């Protein structure tokens, strides 16, 4: 009886869990792979006054996550920029190389997780993500795929 119940739960869970559909975002001078649900709702341009947009913010409805994909005219050290931009963080992971900066950790007293990375080429190309700490297991595989796919755009980026 227990085995039959376990199999029924397993089949029901498998049947209702939909795999994530992925797409490529070519914004802010870089490309990343993101879940399609991020492109299906609220989306805004990052601007500074009347300047051309220099990136995109994804804040999908029904999901507690914010993703920003952008560039900065700075040619400084990427880690210095990203760590300064996030402010008060308790880092759990970091990379500080001349052309790559990555920082991940808890912000707002442990309430949220921040993951940010910038690569220096001709300017800084960055992607960063904020989400509630309680959603970490849900978003971890998404963040890993975004990070692995991150690269400077060769053409066609907005």
Protein backbone atom coordinates (compact mmCIF):
# COMPACT_ATOMS: atom_id res chain seq x y z
CA UNK A 1 0.00 0.00 0.00
CA UNK A 2 2.79 2.46 0.90
CA UNK A 3 4.62 1.68 -2.33
CA UNK A 4 1.47 2.26 -4.38
CA UNK A 5 0.90 5.59 -2.61
CA UNK A 6 4.52 6.62 -3.18
CA UNK A 7 4.29 5.76 -6.90
CA UNK A 8 1.00 7.67 -7.22
CA UNK A 9 2.55 10.76 -5.60
CA UNK A 10 5.65 10.44 -7.79
CA UNK A 11 3.57 10.17 -10.99
CA UNK A 12 1.37 13.11 -9.98
CA UNK A 13 4.39 15.24 -9.11
CA UNK A 14 6.17 14.34 -12.35
CA UNK A 15 3.09 15.03 -14.43
CA UNK A 16 2.47 18.48 -12.94
CA UNK A 17 6.07 19.73 -12.87
CA UNK A 18 6.78 21.54 -16.10
CA UNK A 19 10.37 21.91 -17.28
CA UNK A 20 11.68 25.43 -17.57
CA UNK A 21 11.69 26.80 -21.11
CA UNK A 22 14.79 28.89 -21.87
CA UNK A 23 15.52 31.77 -24.23
CA UNK A 24 18.46 34.09 -24.89
CA UNK A 25 18.45 37.68 -23.70
CA UNK A 26 20.73 40.00 -25.70
CA UNK A 27 20.62 43.20 -23.65
CA UNK A 28 23.06 45.60 -22.09
CA UNK A 29 25.92 44.44 -24.33
CA UNK A 30 25.84 40.82 -23.16
CA UNK A 31 23.92 37.62 -23.78
CA UNK A 32 22.54 35.28 -21.14
CA UNK A 33 20.13 32.38 -21.11
CA UNK A 34 17.03 33.14 -19.03
CA UNK A 35 13.77 31.33 -18.33
CA UNK A 36 11.00 32.38 -20.70
CA UNK A 37 8.80 33.32 -17.74
CA UNK A 38 11.17 36.24 -17.13
CA UNK A 39 10.37 37.76 -20.53
CA UNK A 40 6.62 37.24 -20.38
CA UNK A 41 5.79 40.03 -17.97
CA UNK A 42 7.14 43.23 -16.40
CA UNK A 43 10.26 44.41 -18.12
CA UNK A 44 11.88 47.81 -17.97
CA UNK A 45 14.84 49.60 -19.44
CA UNK A 46 17.66 50.87 -17.27
CA UNK A 47 18.30 54.51 -18.14
CA UNK A 48 20.26 57.40 -16.77
CA UNK A 49 18.34 60.57 -17.54
CA UNK A 50 17.87 61.08 -21.27
CA UNK A 51 20.66 58.70 -22.26
CA UNK A 52 20.12 55.64 -24.40
CA UNK A 53 19.07 52.56 -22.43
CA UNK A 54 22.07 50.66 -21.12
CA UNK A 55 20.31 47.54 -19.89
CA UNK A 56 17.12 45.75 -18.94
CA UNK A 57 15.40 44.84 -15.68
CA UNK A 58 13.32 41.68 -15.53
CA UNK A 59 10.76 41.48 -12.70
CA UNK A 60 8.32 38.76 -13.74
CA UNK A 61 4.86 38.79 -12.22
CA UNK A 62 4.24 35.95 -9.80
CA UNK A 63 7.96 35.35 -9.15
CA UNK A 64 10.01 36.83 -6.34
CA UNK A 65 13.11 37.59 -8.40
CA UNK A 66 14.70 40.61 -10.06
CA UNK A 67 17.32 40.26 -12.79
CA UNK A 68 19.30 43.16 -14.23
CA UNK A 69 21.44 42.87 -17.37
CA UNK A 70 23.42 46.01 -18.20
CA UNK A 71 26.73 47.68 -18.99
CA UNK A 72 28.69 50.45 -17.27
CA UNK A 73 31.11 52.83 -18.97
CA UNK A 74 33.62 52.20 -16.16
CA UNK A 75 36.86 50.42 -16.95
CA UNK A 76 37.69 49.81 -13.29
CA UNK A 77 38.11 46.45 -11.62
CA UNK A 78 34.84 44.46 -11.98
CA UNK A 79 34.81 43.09 -8.42
CA UNK A 80 35.25 46.56 -6.96
CA UNK A 81 32.28 47.87 -8.96
CA UNK A 82 29.89 44.99 -8.17
CA UNK A 83 30.76 44.85 -4.45
CA UNK A 84 30.38 48.61 -4.12
CA UNK A 85 27.08 48.57 -6.02
CA UNK A 86 25.49 45.98 -3.71
CA UNK A 87 26.74 47.60 -0.52
CA UNK A 88 26.32 45.71 2.75
CA UNK A 89 26.67 42.02 1.85
CA UNK A 90 27.74 38.95 3.75
CA UNK A 91 29.62 37.22 0.91
CA UNK A 92 29.49 33.46 0.54
CA UNK A 93 31.29 33.37 -2.81
CA UNK A 94 33.55 35.79 -4.64
CA UNK A 95 35.96 36.05 -7.55
CA UNK A 96 38.23 39.07 -7.87
CA UNK A 97 40.27 38.97 -11.08
CA UNK A 98 41.39 41.90 -13.24
CA UNK A 99 38.71 41.22 -15.87
CA UNK A 100 36.05 39.34 -13.85
CA UNK A 101 34.24 40.10 -10.64
CA UNK A 102 31.67 37.84 -8.99
CA UNK A 103 30.02 38.15 -5.60
CA UNK A 104 27.21 36.20 -4.03
CA UNK A 105 25.81 36.38 -0.55
CA UNK A 106 23.14 37.56 1.83
CA UNK A 107 21.86 41.13 1.96
CA UNK A 108 19.30 42.95 4.09
CA UNK A 109 20.25 41.00 7.20
CA UNK A 110 19.99 37.63 5.46
CA UNK A 111 16.51 38.24 4.05
CA UNK A 112 17.65 38.27 0.41
CA UNK A 113 20.29 36.66 -1.76
CA UNK A 114 22.33 38.72 -4.21
CA UNK A 115 24.36 37.29 -7.08
CA UNK A 116 26.29 39.65 -9.32
CA UNK A 117 28.99 39.36 -11.92
CA UNK A 118 30.76 41.83 -14.20
CA UNK A 119 33.23 41.19 -16.97
CA UNK A 120 35.58 43.91 -18.19
CA UNK A 121 36.13 44.06 -21.94
CA UNK A 122 35.90 47.57 -23.42
CA UNK A 123 33.56 48.50 -20.53
CA UNK A 124 31.92 46.53 -17.71
CA UNK A 125 29.20 44.09 -18.76
CA UNK A 126 27.14 42.98 -15.77
CA UNK A 127 24.28 40.81 -14.65
CA UNK A 128 22.88 40.69 -11.13
CA UNK A 129 19.99 39.00 -9.40
CA UNK A 130 18.07 39.55 -6.15
CA UNK A 131 15.64 37.08 -4.60
CA UNK A 132 14.36 36.09 -1.13
CA UNK A 133 16.61 33.75 0.84
CA UNK A 134 13.64 31.40 1.37
CA UNK A 135 13.50 30.91 -2.45
CA UNK A 136 17.17 29.92 -2.75
CA UNK A 137 16.61 26.27 -3.69
CA UNK A 138 14.09 27.29 -6.35
CA UNK A 139 16.33 29.88 -8.02
CA UNK A 140 19.81 28.35 -7.54
CA UNK A 141 19.74 26.23 -10.75
CA UNK A 142 18.40 29.22 -12.71
CA UNK A 143 21.19 31.48 -11.45
CA UNK A 144 23.81 28.82 -12.25
CA UNK A 145 22.62 28.56 -15.85
CA UNK A 146 22.49 32.34 -16.26
CA UNK A 147 26.06 32.65 -14.91
CA UNK A 148 27.41 29.88 -17.16
CA UNK A 149 25.83 31.44 -20.26
CA UNK A 150 26.97 35.04 -19.59
CA UNK A 151 29.17 36.55 -22.33
CA UNK A 152 29.77 39.80 -24.16
CA UNK A 153 27.47 40.17 -27.13
CA UNK A 154 29.16 40.09 -30.50
CA UNK A 155 26.28 41.81 -32.35
CA UNK A 156 22.58 42.56 -32.15
CA UNK A 157 22.42 43.53 -28.48
CA UNK A 158 20.20 46.33 -27.25
